[in-house]
């Protein structure tokens, strides 16, 4: 444990923005960063990296393992939202707006906090060819981000998608 105020060089090099912050390292490799008091994020990060370490020689998932994990997450529920934070405490305005839209539309959905797992966050950007979050998945297929969801709701296409899925 390092007191951020007592170690300004370390705090700056790790871009500490909040206290507490947790930086998970394996050697000199950054595995995960958790800013603020986020017990669920910490638990998920530790579980992710402990499970990963047990399953591979160096704790790194192969691309095939990562894609399989992403597909499993994307299919965990009929409607999956990959967001920053959780529905009751979104950690960005775009995630908050998306949750509000889904709730207003009466959509039951599951979620994954992409801030809890850097590998999932970066992997979803690649697999869905979409650089930002939130990302909405319906029946395992990428639908889009906030702007696309807003457009689909305004045209009625969103309800059509949910009723046909």
C-alpha atoms as a PDB file:
ATOM      1  CA  UNK A   1       0.000   0.000   0.000  1.00  0.00           C
ATOM      2  CA  UNK A   2       1.282   3.432  -0.944  1.00  0.00           C
ATOM      3  CA  UNK A   3       0.003   6.729   0.386  1.00  0.00           C
ATOM      4  CA  UNK A   4      -0.658   8.729  -2.800  1.00  0.00           C
ATOM      5  CA  UNK A   5       0.066  12.051  -1.116  1.00  0.00           C
ATOM      6  CA  UNK A   6       3.429  10.797   0.176  1.00  0.00           C
ATOM      7  CA  UNK A   7       4.525   9.389  -3.206  1.00  0.00           C
ATOM      8  CA  UNK A   8       3.685  12.024  -5.859  1.00  0.00           C
ATOM      9  CA  UNK A   9       6.010  10.470  -8.484  1.00  0.00           C
ATOM     10  CA  UNK A  10       4.346   7.069  -8.210  1.00  0.00           C
ATOM     11  CA  UNK A  11       0.890   8.652  -8.118  1.00  0.00           C
ATOM     12  CA  UNK A  12       1.666  10.610 -11.264  1.00  0.00           C
ATOM     13  CA  UNK A  13       3.196   7.674 -13.142  1.00  0.00           C
ATOM     14  CA  UNK A  14       0.079   5.564 -12.448  1.00  0.00           C
ATOM     15  CA  UNK A  15      -2.244   8.508 -13.156  1.00  0.00           C
ATOM     16  CA  UNK A  16      -4.008   8.280  -9.792  1.00  0.00           C
ATOM     17  CA  UNK A  17      -7.212  10.331 -10.025  1.00  0.00           C
ATOM     18  CA  UNK A  18      -9.099   9.163  -6.936  1.00  0.00           C
ATOM     19  CA  UNK A  19      -8.379   7.915  -3.461  1.00  0.00           C
ATOM     20  CA  UNK A  20      -8.564   5.067  -2.861  1.00  0.00           C
ATOM     21  CA  UNK A  21      -7.178   3.621  -6.078  1.00  0.00           C
ATOM     22  CA  UNK A  22      -6.091   0.060  -6.603  1.00  0.00           C
ATOM     23  CA  UNK A  23      -3.519  -0.852  -9.205  1.00  0.00           C
ATOM     24  CA  UNK A  24      -3.120  -4.578  -9.898  1.00  0.00           C
ATOM     25  CA  UNK A  25       0.274  -5.465 -11.311  1.00  0.00           C
ATOM     26  CA  UNK A  26       1.915  -8.705 -12.350  1.00  0.00           C
ATOM     27  CA  UNK A  27       5.576  -7.840 -12.412  1.00  0.00           C
ATOM     28  CA  UNK A  28       5.661  -4.584 -14.361  1.00  0.00           C
ATOM     29  CA  UNK A  29       2.438  -5.306 -16.296  1.00  0.00           C
ATOM     30  CA  UNK A  30      -0.691  -3.352 -15.389  1.00  0.00           C
ATOM     31  CA  UNK A  31      -3.528  -5.848 -15.043  1.00  0.00           C
ATOM     32  CA  UNK A  32      -6.288  -3.596 -13.781  1.00  0.00           C
ATOM     33  CA  UNK A  33      -7.041  -0.195 -12.290  1.00  0.00           C
ATOM     34  CA  UNK A  34      -9.901   0.532  -9.901  1.00  0.00           C
ATOM     35  CA  UNK A  35     -10.539   4.145  -8.936  1.00  0.00           C
ATOM     36  CA  UNK A  36     -12.598   4.932  -5.886  1.00  0.00           C
ATOM     37  CA  UNK A  37     -14.216   2.665  -3.334  1.00  0.00           C
ATOM     38  CA  UNK A  38     -15.564  -0.101  -5.562  1.00  0.00           C
ATOM     39  CA  UNK A  39     -15.746  -3.375  -3.647  1.00  0.00           C
ATOM     40  CA  UNK A  40     -17.552  -5.198  -6.491  1.00  0.00           C
ATOM     41  CA  UNK A  41     -14.994  -3.973  -9.016  1.00  0.00           C
ATOM     42  CA  UNK A  42     -12.148  -5.093  -6.777  1.00  0.00           C
ATOM     43  CA  UNK A  43     -13.711  -8.506  -6.246  1.00  0.00           C
ATOM     44  CA  UNK A  44     -14.325  -8.969  -9.981  1.00  0.00           C
ATOM     45  CA  UNK A  45     -10.801  -7.857 -10.871  1.00  0.00           C
ATOM     46  CA  UNK A  46      -9.184 -10.158  -8.348  1.00  0.00           C
ATOM     47  CA  UNK A  47     -11.357 -13.091  -9.396  1.00  0.00           C
ATOM     48  CA  UNK A  48     -10.634 -12.424 -13.053  1.00  0.00           C
ATOM     49  CA  UNK A  49      -6.890 -12.293 -12.618  1.00  0.00           C
ATOM     50  CA  UNK A  50      -6.687 -15.131 -10.123  1.00  0.00           C
ATOM     51  CA  UNK A  51      -8.755 -17.355 -12.427  1.00  0.00           C
ATOM     52  CA  UNK A  52      -6.687 -16.254 -15.398  1.00  0.00           C
ATOM     53  CA  UNK A  53      -3.448 -17.033 -13.576  1.00  0.00           C
ATOM     54  CA  UNK A  54      -4.622 -20.536 -12.782  1.00  0.00           C
ATOM     55  CA  UNK A  55      -5.664 -21.263 -16.341  1.00  0.00           C
ATOM     56  CA  UNK A  56      -2.610 -20.136 -18.288  1.00  0.00           C
ATOM     57  CA  UNK A  57       1.129 -20.239 -17.952  1.00  0.00           C
ATOM     58  CA  UNK A  58       1.580 -16.488 -17.423  1.00  0.00           C
ATOM     59  CA  UNK A  59      -1.931 -15.456 -16.385  1.00  0.00           C
ATOM     60  CA  UNK A  60      -2.676 -14.188 -19.908  1.00  0.00           C
ATOM     61  CA  UNK A  61      -5.601 -15.470 -21.897  1.00  0.00           C
ATOM     62  CA  UNK A  62      -4.946 -16.603 -25.407  1.00  0.00           C
ATOM     63  CA  UNK A  63      -6.935 -14.728 -28.068  1.00  0.00           C
ATOM     64  CA  UNK A  64      -9.149 -17.796 -28.436  1.00  0.00           C
ATOM     65  CA  UNK A  65      -9.807 -17.947 -24.678  1.00  0.00           C
ATOM     66  CA  UNK A  66     -10.562 -14.221 -24.594  1.00  0.00           C
ATOM     67  CA  UNK A  67     -12.997 -14.459 -27.524  1.00  0.00           C
ATOM     68  CA  UNK A  68     -14.730 -17.418 -25.859  1.00  0.00           C
ATOM     69  CA  UNK A  69     -15.041 -15.464 -22.598  1.00  0.00           C
ATOM     70  CA  UNK A  70     -16.427 -12.425 -24.456  1.00  0.00           C
ATOM     71  CA  UNK A  71     -18.974 -14.553 -26.313  1.00  0.00           C
ATOM     72  CA  UNK A  72     -20.027 -16.166 -23.022  1.00  0.00           C
ATOM     73  CA  UNK A  73     -20.506 -12.750 -21.429  1.00  0.00           C
ATOM     74  CA  UNK A  74     -22.375 -11.429 -24.484  1.00  0.00           C
ATOM     75  CA  UNK A  75     -24.764 -14.397 -24.269  1.00  0.00           C
ATOM     76  CA  UNK A  76     -25.201 -14.342 -20.482  1.00  0.00           C
ATOM     77  CA  UNK A  77     -28.658 -12.796 -20.875  1.00  0.00           C
ATOM     78  CA  UNK A  78     -31.048 -12.001 -23.733  1.00  0.00           C
ATOM     79  CA  UNK A  79     -30.171  -8.310 -23.277  1.00  0.00           C
ATOM     80  CA  UNK A  80     -26.670  -7.491 -22.010  1.00  0.00           C
ATOM     81  CA  UNK A  81     -25.396  -4.001 -21.349  1.00  0.00           C
ATOM     82  CA  UNK A  82     -21.659  -3.454 -21.122  1.00  0.00           C
ATOM     83  CA  UNK A  83     -21.388  -0.205 -19.234  1.00  0.00           C
ATOM     84  CA  UNK A  84     -19.275   1.868 -16.889  1.00  0.00           C
ATOM     85  CA  UNK A  85     -20.490   1.134 -13.369  1.00  0.00           C
ATOM     86  CA  UNK A  86     -23.751  -0.604 -12.599  1.00  0.00           C
ATOM     87  CA  UNK A  87     -27.366   0.332 -13.352  1.00  0.00           C
ATOM     88  CA  UNK A  88     -27.943   1.790  -9.894  1.00  0.00           C
ATOM     89  CA  UNK A  89     -24.638   3.691  -9.923  1.00  0.00           C
ATOM     90  CA  UNK A  90     -23.520   4.410 -13.498  1.00  0.00           C
ATOM     91  CA  UNK A  91     -20.035   5.899 -13.733  1.00  0.00           C
ATOM     92  CA  UNK A  92     -20.588   7.931 -16.891  1.00  0.00           C
ATOM     93  CA  UNK A  93     -23.434   9.941 -18.358  1.00  0.00           C
ATOM     94  CA  UNK A  94     -23.757   7.754 -21.453  1.00  0.00           C
ATOM     95  CA  UNK A  95     -24.199   4.628 -19.320  1.00  0.00           C
ATOM     96  CA  UNK A  96     -26.730   6.467 -17.137  1.00  0.00           C
ATOM     97  CA  UNK A  97     -28.755   7.543 -20.189  1.00  0.00           C
ATOM     98  CA  UNK A  98     -28.705   4.030 -21.639  1.00  0.00           C
ATOM     99  CA  UNK A  99     -29.956   2.517 -18.366  1.00  0.00           C
ATOM    100  CA  UNK A 100     -32.735   5.138 -18.248  1.00  0.00           C
ATOM    101  CA  UNK A 101     -33.818   4.273 -21.803  1.00  0.00           C
ATOM    102  CA  UNK A 102     -33.830   0.527 -21.106  1.00  0.00           C
ATOM    103  CA  UNK A 103     -35.825   0.992 -17.910  1.00  0.00           C
ATOM    104  CA  UNK A 104     -38.291   3.385 -19.595  1.00  0.00           C
ATOM    105  CA  UNK A 105     -38.782   0.799 -22.356  1.00  0.00           C
ATOM    106  CA  UNK A 106     -39.408  -1.895 -19.724  1.00  0.00           C
ATOM    107  CA  UNK A 107     -36.446  -3.970 -20.841  1.00  0.00           C
ATOM    108  CA  UNK A 108     -35.086  -6.573 -18.446  1.00  0.00           C
ATOM    109  CA  UNK A 109     -31.326  -6.683 -18.858  1.00  0.00           C
ATOM    110  CA  UNK A 110     -28.144  -7.917 -17.298  1.00  0.00           C
ATOM    111  CA  UNK A 111     -24.992  -5.823 -17.199  1.00  0.00           C
ATOM    112  CA  UNK A 112     -21.236  -6.015 -16.961  1.00  0.00           C
ATOM    113  CA  UNK A 113     -19.101  -3.217 -15.529  1.00  0.00           C
ATOM    114  CA  UNK A 114     -16.308  -2.822 -18.082  1.00  0.00           C
ATOM    115  CA  UNK A 115     -14.301  -0.794 -15.576  1.00  0.00           C
ATOM    116  CA  UNK A 116     -13.823  -3.990 -13.566  1.00  0.00           C
ATOM    117  CA  UNK A 117     -11.919  -5.806 -16.326  1.00  0.00           C
ATOM    118  CA  UNK A 118      -9.553  -4.102 -18.777  1.00  0.00           C
ATOM    119  CA  UNK A 119      -9.310  -7.250 -20.913  1.00  0.00           C
ATOM    120  CA  UNK A 120     -13.079  -7.349 -21.433  1.00  0.00           C
ATOM    121  CA  UNK A 121     -13.175  -3.625 -22.129  1.00  0.00           C
ATOM    122  CA  UNK A 122     -10.470  -3.769 -24.795  1.00  0.00           C
ATOM    123  CA  UNK A 123     -11.687  -7.095 -26.196  1.00  0.00           C
ATOM    124  CA  UNK A 124     -15.245  -5.849 -26.730  1.00  0.00           C
ATOM    125  CA  UNK A 125     -13.942  -2.831 -28.626  1.00  0.00           C
ATOM    126  CA  UNK A 126     -12.266  -5.229 -31.059  1.00  0.00           C
ATOM    127  CA  UNK A 127     -14.858  -8.006 -31.315  1.00  0.00           C
ATOM    128  CA  UNK A 128     -17.743  -5.534 -31.815  1.00  0.00           C
ATOM    129  CA  UNK A 129     -15.694  -3.062 -33.847  1.00  0.00           C
ATOM    130  CA  UNK A 130     -17.043  -0.277 -31.609  1.00  0.00           C
ATOM    131  CA  UNK A 131     -14.657   2.007 -29.693  1.00  0.00           C
ATOM    132  CA  UNK A 132     -16.926   3.347 -26.944  1.00  0.00           C
ATOM    133  CA  UNK A 133     -19.196   2.269 -24.118  1.00  0.00           C
ATOM    134  CA  UNK A 134     -21.914   1.507 -23.298  1.00  0.00           C
ATOM    135  CA  UNK A 135     -22.445  -1.339 -25.742  1.00  0.00           C
ATOM    136  CA  UNK A 136     -25.797  -3.103 -25.961  1.00  0.00           C
ATOM    137  CA  UNK A 137     -25.999  -6.776 -26.942  1.00  0.00           C
ATOM    138  CA  UNK A 138     -29.288  -8.523 -27.781  1.00  0.00           C
ATOM    139  CA  UNK A 139     -29.302 -12.303 -28.207  1.00  0.00           C
ATOM    140  CA  UNK A 140     -25.503 -12.320 -28.377  1.00  0.00           C
ATOM    141  CA  UNK A 141     -25.378  -9.768 -31.199  1.00  0.00           C
ATOM    142  CA  UNK A 142     -23.989  -6.251 -30.927  1.00  0.00           C
ATOM    143  CA  UNK A 143     -26.716  -3.614 -31.391  1.00  0.00           C
ATOM    144  CA  UNK A 144     -24.834  -0.381 -30.756  1.00  0.00           C
ATOM    145  CA  UNK A 145     -24.120   2.416 -28.343  1.00  0.00           C
ATOM    146  CA  UNK A 146     -26.280   5.169 -26.913  1.00  0.00           C
ATOM    147  CA  UNK A 147     -26.842   7.117 -30.150  1.00  0.00           C
ATOM    148  CA  UNK A 148     -27.939   4.015 -32.050  1.00  0.00           C
ATOM    149  CA  UNK A 149     -30.235   2.940 -29.221  1.00  0.00           C
ATOM    150  CA  UNK A 150     -31.836   6.408 -29.108  1.00  0.00           C
ATOM    151  CA  UNK A 151     -32.406   6.312 -32.869  1.00  0.00           C
ATOM    152  CA  UNK A 152     -33.864   2.797 -32.739  1.00  0.00           C
ATOM    153  CA  UNK A 153     -36.235   3.766 -29.917  1.00  0.00           C
ATOM    154  CA  UNK A 154     -37.441   6.858 -31.815  1.00  0.00           C
ATOM    155  CA  UNK A 155     -38.180   4.828 -34.966  1.00  0.00           C
ATOM    156  CA  UNK A 156     -39.787   1.888 -33.133  1.00  0.00           C
ATOM    157  CA  UNK A 157     -37.060  -0.410 -34.402  1.00  0.00           C
ATOM    158  CA  UNK A 158     -35.851  -1.118 -30.844  1.00  0.00           C
ATOM    159  CA  UNK A 159     -39.146  -2.674 -29.706  1.00  0.00           C
ATOM    160  CA  UNK A 160     -39.280  -4.645 -32.969  1.00  0.00           C
ATOM    161  CA  UNK A 161     -35.788  -5.984 -32.255  1.00  0.00           C
ATOM    162  CA  UNK A 162     -36.718  -7.029 -28.725  1.00  0.00           C
ATOM    163  CA  UNK A 163     -39.999  -8.657 -29.719  1.00  0.00           C
ATOM    164  CA  UNK A 164     -38.410 -10.629 -32.569  1.00  0.00           C
ATOM    165  CA  UNK A 165     -35.436 -11.730 -30.477  1.00  0.00           C
END
